[in-house]
């Protein structure tokens, strides 16, 4: 993606330091396969049943799957067994269930804590004052590997988004004083990934800029 390379250049970042995750929710398996044929391997889904259907249809492509949607307790077993990453972990109950249900034959599940960085009541994620306790709990669960933090700032302005991304980066740095090997800032989408990269994003979640405008969900 040329705009990703340009954003890395503008932010004095190596393109290799930023992982592009294609957000494929509501997209057909054929669209995912087309991107996979171009070399894209990281895909993200919000809805479990839709994701499982694509995983089965595209198993021969050996893709890496990221779950980025809200996590219900009755969905944790399949999320724990089928996904490589979870970016939207925000409750200790869900963390324990994912840990207990991660199959022993798989490596620990990579997880990010979702932070409600703008403190919006309508949005998922832990508050900033709760993140340290949740991070410590996850760090102690053997079948989970805490990688870092995720956030979805309010889309009203890039300046506000920049402040949110900067807060996320500072929070990760602070957590790193007590928890080792935190290396992931999952932040930035189609409209703001350039700012996110400037502020240290390691993983950006891109849908519209790759697939085009998303069809309405039925």
C-alpha atoms as a PDB file:
ATOM      1  CA  UNK A   1       0.000   0.000   0.000  1.00  0.00           C
ATOM      2  CA  UNK A   2       1.734   3.133  -1.246  1.00  0.00           C
ATOM      3  CA  UNK A   3       0.091   5.399   1.335  1.00  0.00           C
ATOM      4  CA  UNK A   4       1.461   3.198   4.125  1.00  0.00           C
ATOM      5  CA  UNK A   5       4.977   3.521   2.767  1.00  0.00           C
ATOM      6  CA  UNK A   6       4.523   7.289   2.476  1.00  0.00           C
ATOM      7  CA  UNK A   7       3.211   7.543   6.035  1.00  0.00           C
ATOM      8  CA  UNK A   8       6.215   5.597   7.301  1.00  0.00           C
ATOM      9  CA  UNK A   9       8.553   7.876   5.371  1.00  0.00           C
ATOM     10  CA  UNK A  10       6.826  10.984   6.745  1.00  0.00           C
ATOM     11  CA  UNK A  11       7.023   9.590  10.275  1.00  0.00           C
ATOM     12  CA  UNK A  12      10.648   8.502   9.915  1.00  0.00           C
ATOM     13  CA  UNK A  13       9.612   4.872  10.381  1.00  0.00           C
ATOM     14  CA  UNK A  14      10.678   1.744   8.556  1.00  0.00           C
ATOM     15  CA  UNK A  15       7.742   0.107   6.729  1.00  0.00           C
ATOM     16  CA  UNK A  16       8.892  -3.157   8.274  1.00  0.00           C
ATOM     17  CA  UNK A  17       8.088  -1.754  11.727  1.00  0.00           C
ATOM     18  CA  UNK A  18       4.362  -1.466  10.940  1.00  0.00           C
ATOM     19  CA  UNK A  19       2.104  -4.485  10.413  1.00  0.00           C
ATOM     20  CA  UNK A  20      -0.842  -3.943   8.082  1.00  0.00           C
ATOM     21  CA  UNK A  21      -3.957  -5.787   9.227  1.00  0.00           C
ATOM     22  CA  UNK A  22      -6.720  -5.956   6.626  1.00  0.00           C
ATOM     23  CA  UNK A  23     -10.108  -5.562   8.312  1.00  0.00           C
ATOM     24  CA  UNK A  24     -12.274  -7.966   6.371  1.00  0.00           C
ATOM     25  CA  UNK A  25     -15.560  -7.818   8.298  1.00  0.00           C
ATOM     26  CA  UNK A  26     -18.569  -7.958   5.927  1.00  0.00           C
ATOM     27  CA  UNK A  27     -16.221  -8.818   3.048  1.00  0.00           C
ATOM     28  CA  UNK A  28     -16.562 -12.031   1.118  1.00  0.00           C
ATOM     29  CA  UNK A  29     -14.030 -14.830   1.170  1.00  0.00           C
ATOM     30  CA  UNK A  30     -13.283 -14.070  -2.476  1.00  0.00           C
ATOM     31  CA  UNK A  31     -12.210 -10.525  -1.576  1.00  0.00           C
ATOM     32  CA  UNK A  32      -9.961 -11.836   1.181  1.00  0.00           C
ATOM     33  CA  UNK A  33      -8.492 -14.420  -1.189  1.00  0.00           C
ATOM     34  CA  UNK A  34      -7.727 -11.688  -3.719  1.00  0.00           C
ATOM     35  CA  UNK A  35      -5.714  -9.749  -1.141  1.00  0.00           C
ATOM     36  CA  UNK A  36      -4.043 -12.926   0.052  1.00  0.00           C
ATOM     37  CA  UNK A  37      -2.928 -13.597  -3.521  1.00  0.00           C
ATOM     38  CA  UNK A  38      -1.114 -10.246  -3.401  1.00  0.00           C
ATOM     39  CA  UNK A  39       0.752 -11.291  -0.276  1.00  0.00           C
ATOM     40  CA  UNK A  40      -1.458  -9.975   2.533  1.00  0.00           C
ATOM     41  CA  UNK A  41      -1.499 -12.448   5.425  1.00  0.00           C
ATOM     42  CA  UNK A  42      -2.957 -10.574   8.417  1.00  0.00           C
ATOM     43  CA  UNK A  43      -6.759 -10.218   8.535  1.00  0.00           C
ATOM     44  CA  UNK A  44      -9.114  -8.964  11.246  1.00  0.00           C
ATOM     45  CA  UNK A  45     -12.726  -9.794  11.972  1.00  0.00           C
ATOM     46  CA  UNK A  46     -15.373  -8.382  14.313  1.00  0.00           C
ATOM     47  CA  UNK A  47     -18.047 -11.059  14.074  1.00  0.00           C
ATOM     48  CA  UNK A  48     -17.222 -14.608  15.114  1.00  0.00           C
ATOM     49  CA  UNK A  49     -19.573 -16.635  12.905  1.00  0.00           C
ATOM     50  CA  UNK A  50     -18.657 -14.665   9.806  1.00  0.00           C
ATOM     51  CA  UNK A  51     -14.992 -15.095  10.645  1.00  0.00           C
ATOM     52  CA  UNK A  52     -15.253 -18.852  11.126  1.00  0.00           C
ATOM     53  CA  UNK A  53     -16.866 -19.273   7.718  1.00  0.00           C
ATOM     54  CA  UNK A  54     -14.011 -17.378   6.064  1.00  0.00           C
ATOM     55  CA  UNK A  55     -11.386 -19.259   8.030  1.00  0.00           C
ATOM     56  CA  UNK A  56     -12.776 -22.562   6.816  1.00  0.00           C
ATOM     57  CA  UNK A  57     -13.097 -21.360   3.223  1.00  0.00           C
ATOM     58  CA  UNK A  58      -9.573 -19.922   3.170  1.00  0.00           C
ATOM     59  CA  UNK A  59      -7.694 -22.509   5.226  1.00  0.00           C
ATOM     60  CA  UNK A  60      -5.364 -23.315   2.322  1.00  0.00           C
ATOM     61  CA  UNK A  61      -4.032 -19.736   2.363  1.00  0.00           C
ATOM     62  CA  UNK A  62      -2.554 -20.110   5.894  1.00  0.00           C
ATOM     63  CA  UNK A  63      -3.651 -16.654   7.002  1.00  0.00           C
ATOM     64  CA  UNK A  64      -3.212 -15.037  10.411  1.00  0.00           C
ATOM     65  CA  UNK A  65      -6.479 -14.006  12.036  1.00  0.00           C
ATOM     66  CA  UNK A  66      -7.058 -11.171  14.505  1.00  0.00           C
ATOM     67  CA  UNK A  67     -10.268 -10.726  16.498  1.00  0.00           C
ATOM     68  CA  UNK A  68     -11.092  -7.041  17.024  1.00  0.00           C
ATOM     69  CA  UNK A  69     -14.764  -7.031  18.056  1.00  0.00           C
ATOM     70  CA  UNK A  70     -16.558  -7.150  21.408  1.00  0.00           C
ATOM     71  CA  UNK A  71     -16.102 -10.514  23.116  1.00  0.00           C
ATOM     72  CA  UNK A  72     -19.103 -12.316  24.589  1.00  0.00           C
ATOM     73  CA  UNK A  73     -18.546 -15.049  27.160  1.00  0.00           C
ATOM     74  CA  UNK A  74     -20.260 -17.668  25.006  1.00  0.00           C
ATOM     75  CA  UNK A  75     -17.858 -16.949  22.128  1.00  0.00           C
ATOM     76  CA  UNK A  76     -14.558 -17.314  23.972  1.00  0.00           C
ATOM     77  CA  UNK A  77     -13.928 -20.995  23.284  1.00  0.00           C
ATOM     78  CA  UNK A  78     -13.901 -20.596  19.514  1.00  0.00           C
ATOM     79  CA  UNK A  79     -12.014 -17.308  19.685  1.00  0.00           C
ATOM     80  CA  UNK A  80      -9.385 -18.943  21.882  1.00  0.00           C
ATOM     81  CA  UNK A  81      -9.016 -21.927  19.575  1.00  0.00           C
ATOM     82  CA  UNK A  82      -9.237 -20.303  16.146  1.00  0.00           C
ATOM     83  CA  UNK A  83      -7.583 -16.888  16.325  1.00  0.00           C
ATOM     84  CA  UNK A  84      -3.922 -15.899  16.482  1.00  0.00           C
ATOM     85  CA  UNK A  85      -4.565 -12.504  18.077  1.00  0.00           C
ATOM     86  CA  UNK A  86      -7.240 -10.761  20.130  1.00  0.00           C
ATOM     87  CA  UNK A  87      -7.058  -6.949  20.172  1.00  0.00           C
ATOM     88  CA  UNK A  88     -10.234  -6.213  22.141  1.00  0.00           C
ATOM     89  CA  UNK A  89      -9.662  -7.751  25.568  1.00  0.00           C
ATOM     90  CA  UNK A  90     -11.112  -5.503  28.271  1.00  0.00           C
ATOM     91  CA  UNK A  91     -12.344  -7.720  31.146  1.00  0.00           C
ATOM     92  CA  UNK A  92     -10.660 -10.058  33.584  1.00  0.00           C
ATOM     93  CA  UNK A  93     -13.453 -12.632  33.196  1.00  0.00           C
ATOM     94  CA  UNK A  94     -12.862 -12.820  29.451  1.00  0.00           C
ATOM     95  CA  UNK A  95      -9.101 -13.016  29.959  1.00  0.00           C
ATOM     96  CA  UNK A  96      -9.485 -16.017  32.248  1.00  0.00           C
ATOM     97  CA  UNK A  97     -11.860 -17.761  29.862  1.00  0.00           C
ATOM     98  CA  UNK A  98      -9.549 -17.252  26.878  1.00  0.00           C
ATOM     99  CA  UNK A  99      -6.641 -18.559  28.933  1.00  0.00           C
ATOM    100  CA  UNK A 100      -8.514 -21.637  30.137  1.00  0.00           C
ATOM    101  CA  UNK A 101      -9.867 -22.414  26.655  1.00  0.00           C
ATOM    102  CA  UNK A 102      -6.695 -21.896  24.613  1.00  0.00           C
ATOM    103  CA  UNK A 103      -5.757 -25.384  23.335  1.00  0.00           C
ATOM    104  CA  UNK A 104      -2.538 -26.789  24.762  1.00  0.00           C
ATOM    105  CA  UNK A 105      -1.276 -27.632  21.283  1.00  0.00           C
ATOM    106  CA  UNK A 106      -1.272 -23.986  20.214  1.00  0.00           C
ATOM    107  CA  UNK A 107       1.127 -21.236  21.285  1.00  0.00           C
ATOM    108  CA  UNK A 108      -0.174 -18.709  23.818  1.00  0.00           C
ATOM    109  CA  UNK A 109      -2.820 -16.405  22.373  1.00  0.00           C
ATOM    110  CA  UNK A 110      -1.476 -12.948  21.539  1.00  0.00           C
ATOM    111  CA  UNK A 111      -3.673 -10.314  23.177  1.00  0.00           C
ATOM    112  CA  UNK A 112      -3.952  -6.546  23.407  1.00  0.00           C
ATOM    113  CA  UNK A 113      -5.939  -4.664  26.009  1.00  0.00           C
ATOM    114  CA  UNK A 114      -8.493  -2.325  24.483  1.00  0.00           C
ATOM    115  CA  UNK A 115      -8.466   1.062  26.192  1.00  0.00           C
ATOM    116  CA  UNK A 116     -11.395   3.460  26.071  1.00  0.00           C
ATOM    117  CA  UNK A 117      -8.972   6.298  25.595  1.00  0.00           C
ATOM    118  CA  UNK A 118     -11.639   9.010  25.224  1.00  0.00           C
ATOM    119  CA  UNK A 119     -13.777   7.644  28.086  1.00  0.00           C
ATOM    120  CA  UNK A 120     -16.839   7.241  25.847  1.00  0.00           C
ATOM    121  CA  UNK A 121     -19.745   5.444  27.512  1.00  0.00           C
ATOM    122  CA  UNK A 122     -20.823   3.915  24.189  1.00  0.00           C
ATOM    123  CA  UNK A 123     -17.447   2.356  23.439  1.00  0.00           C
ATOM    124  CA  UNK A 124     -15.805  -0.815  24.750  1.00  0.00           C
ATOM    125  CA  UNK A 125     -12.486  -0.805  26.534  1.00  0.00           C
ATOM    126  CA  UNK A 126     -11.049  -0.311  30.002  1.00  0.00           C
ATOM    127  CA  UNK A 127     -10.411   3.103  31.463  1.00  0.00           C
ATOM    128  CA  UNK A 128      -6.837   4.286  31.815  1.00  0.00           C
ATOM    129  CA  UNK A 129      -6.919   3.838  35.585  1.00  0.00           C
ATOM    130  CA  UNK A 130      -7.886   0.158  35.218  1.00  0.00           C
ATOM    131  CA  UNK A 131      -5.370  -0.937  32.623  1.00  0.00           C
ATOM    132  CA  UNK A 132      -2.451  -1.707  34.957  1.00  0.00           C
ATOM    133  CA  UNK A 133      -4.437  -4.188  37.044  1.00  0.00           C
ATOM    134  CA  UNK A 134      -5.819  -5.976  33.982  1.00  0.00           C
ATOM    135  CA  UNK A 135      -2.381  -6.069  32.379  1.00  0.00           C
ATOM    136  CA  UNK A 136      -0.883  -7.681  35.479  1.00  0.00           C
ATOM    137  CA  UNK A 137      -3.611 -10.318  35.564  1.00  0.00           C
ATOM    138  CA  UNK A 138      -3.115 -11.185  31.889  1.00  0.00           C
ATOM    139  CA  UNK A 139       0.655 -11.300  32.335  1.00  0.00           C
ATOM    140  CA  UNK A 140       0.192 -14.037  34.937  1.00  0.00           C
ATOM    141  CA  UNK A 141      -2.027 -16.224  32.719  1.00  0.00           C
ATOM    142  CA  UNK A 142       0.160 -18.848  31.002  1.00  0.00           C
ATOM    143  CA  UNK A 143      -1.949 -19.390  27.882  1.00  0.00           C
ATOM    144  CA  UNK A 144      -2.107 -15.685  27.013  1.00  0.00           C
ATOM    145  CA  UNK A 145       0.733 -13.484  25.813  1.00  0.00           C
ATOM    146  CA  UNK A 146       0.122  -9.822  26.506  1.00  0.00           C
ATOM    147  CA  UNK A 147       1.531  -7.902  23.550  1.00  0.00           C
ATOM    148  CA  UNK A 148       0.283  -4.369  24.105  1.00  0.00           C
ATOM    149  CA  UNK A 149      -2.645  -1.992  23.784  1.00  0.00           C
ATOM    150  CA  UNK A 150      -5.401  -1.152  21.308  1.00  0.00           C
ATOM    151  CA  UNK A 151      -7.624   1.911  21.010  1.00  0.00           C
ATOM    152  CA  UNK A 152     -10.185   3.454  18.673  1.00  0.00           C
ATOM    153  CA  UNK A 153     -10.164   7.227  19.244  1.00  0.00           C
ATOM    154  CA  UNK A 154     -13.123   9.417  18.444  1.00  0.00           C
ATOM    155  CA  UNK A 155     -13.084  10.230  14.721  1.00  0.00           C
ATOM    156  CA  UNK A 156     -13.928  13.917  15.065  1.00  0.00           C
ATOM    157  CA  UNK A 157     -10.449  15.329  14.468  1.00  0.00           C
ATOM    158  CA  UNK A 158      -6.924  14.182  13.721  1.00  0.00           C
ATOM    159  CA  UNK A 159      -5.569  16.427  16.480  1.00  0.00           C
ATOM    160  CA  UNK A 160      -7.754  14.688  19.047  1.00  0.00           C
ATOM    161  CA  UNK A 161      -6.747  11.351  17.566  1.00  0.00           C
ATOM    162  CA  UNK A 162      -3.084  12.255  17.827  1.00  0.00           C
ATOM    163  CA  UNK A 163      -3.491  13.060  21.514  1.00  0.00           C
ATOM    164  CA  UNK A 164      -5.220   9.709  22.059  1.00  0.00           C
ATOM    165  CA  UNK A 165      -2.495   7.813  20.207  1.00  0.00           C
ATOM    166  CA  UNK A 166       0.151   9.614  22.236  1.00  0.00           C
ATOM    167  CA  UNK A 167      -1.645   8.691  25.451  1.00  0.00           C
ATOM    168  CA  UNK A 168      -1.744   5.053  24.364  1.00  0.00           C
ATOM    169  CA  UNK A 169       1.985   5.058  23.629  1.00  0.00           C
ATOM    170  CA  UNK A 170       2.781   6.627  27.000  1.00  0.00           C
ATOM    171  CA  UNK A 171       0.586   4.077  28.762  1.00  0.00           C
ATOM    172  CA  UNK A 172       2.381   1.205  27.038  1.00  0.00           C
ATOM    173  CA  UNK A 173       5.731   2.669  28.033  1.00  0.00           C
ATOM    174  CA  UNK A 174       4.587   2.938  31.646  1.00  0.00           C
ATOM    175  CA  UNK A 175       3.351  -0.666  31.694  1.00  0.00           C
ATOM    176  CA  UNK A 176       6.726  -1.730  30.356  1.00  0.00           C
ATOM    177  CA  UNK A 177       8.295  -0.756  33.672  1.00  0.00           C
ATOM    178  CA  UNK A 178       6.659  -3.767  35.338  1.00  0.00           C
ATOM    179  CA  UNK A 179       5.692  -6.112  32.480  1.00  0.00           C
ATOM    180  CA  UNK A 180       8.374  -7.238  30.004  1.00  0.00           C
ATOM    181  CA  UNK A 181       8.196  -7.693  26.237  1.00  0.00           C
ATOM    182  CA  UNK A 182       5.308  -5.346  25.463  1.00  0.00           C
ATOM    183  CA  UNK A 183       5.777  -4.463  21.806  1.00  0.00           C
ATOM    184  CA  UNK A 184       2.400  -3.641  20.258  1.00  0.00           C
ATOM    185  CA  UNK A 185       0.418  -0.456  19.716  1.00  0.00           C
ATOM    186  CA  UNK A 186      -2.649  -1.457  17.694  1.00  0.00           C
ATOM    187  CA  UNK A 187      -3.978   1.905  16.568  1.00  0.00           C
ATOM    188  CA  UNK A 188      -4.913   3.676  13.381  1.00  0.00           C
ATOM    189  CA  UNK A 189      -7.537   2.935  10.743  1.00  0.00           C
ATOM    190  CA  UNK A 190      -8.196   4.080   7.181  1.00  0.00           C
ATOM    191  CA  UNK A 191      -8.781   7.738   8.096  1.00  0.00           C
ATOM    192  CA  UNK A 192      -6.000   8.227  10.637  1.00  0.00           C
ATOM    193  CA  UNK A 193      -3.307   5.591  10.196  1.00  0.00           C
ATOM    194  CA  UNK A 194      -0.796   8.211   9.076  1.00  0.00           C
ATOM    195  CA  UNK A 195      -1.077  10.026  12.407  1.00  0.00           C
ATOM    196  CA  UNK A 196      -1.005   6.722  14.281  1.00  0.00           C
ATOM    197  CA  UNK A 197       2.232   5.745  12.557  1.00  0.00           C
ATOM    198  CA  UNK A 198       3.796   9.081  13.488  1.00  0.00           C
ATOM    199  CA  UNK A 199       2.845   8.369  17.104  1.00  0.00           C
ATOM    200  CA  UNK A 200       4.320   4.867  17.171  1.00  0.00           C
ATOM    201  CA  UNK A 201       1.700   2.428  15.876  1.00  0.00           C
ATOM    202  CA  UNK A 202       3.067  -1.056  15.272  1.00  0.00           C
ATOM    203  CA  UNK A 203      -0.195  -2.503  13.899  1.00  0.00           C
ATOM    204  CA  UNK A 204      -2.736  -0.575  11.829  1.00  0.00           C
ATOM    205  CA  UNK A 205      -6.221  -1.907  11.058  1.00  0.00           C
ATOM    206  CA  UNK A 206      -7.296  -0.952   7.550  1.00  0.00           C
ATOM    207  CA  UNK A 207     -10.604  -1.781   5.868  1.00  0.00           C
ATOM    208  CA  UNK A 208     -11.998   0.843   3.519  1.00  0.00           C
ATOM    209  CA  UNK A 209      -8.624   1.966   2.160  1.00  0.00           C
ATOM    210  CA  UNK A 210      -7.955  -1.612   1.019  1.00  0.00           C
ATOM    211  CA  UNK A 211     -11.381  -2.950   0.087  1.00  0.00           C
ATOM    212  CA  UNK A 212     -13.323   0.195  -0.799  1.00  0.00           C
ATOM    213  CA  UNK A 213     -16.498   1.430   0.896  1.00  0.00           C
ATOM    214  CA  UNK A 214     -18.014  -1.224   3.132  1.00  0.00           C
ATOM    215  CA  UNK A 215     -21.433  -2.579   2.144  1.00  0.00           C
ATOM    216  CA  UNK A 216     -24.235  -2.168   4.668  1.00  0.00           C
ATOM    217  CA  UNK A 217     -24.450  -5.107   7.059  1.00  0.00           C
ATOM    218  CA  UNK A 218     -27.684  -7.026   6.579  1.00  0.00           C
END
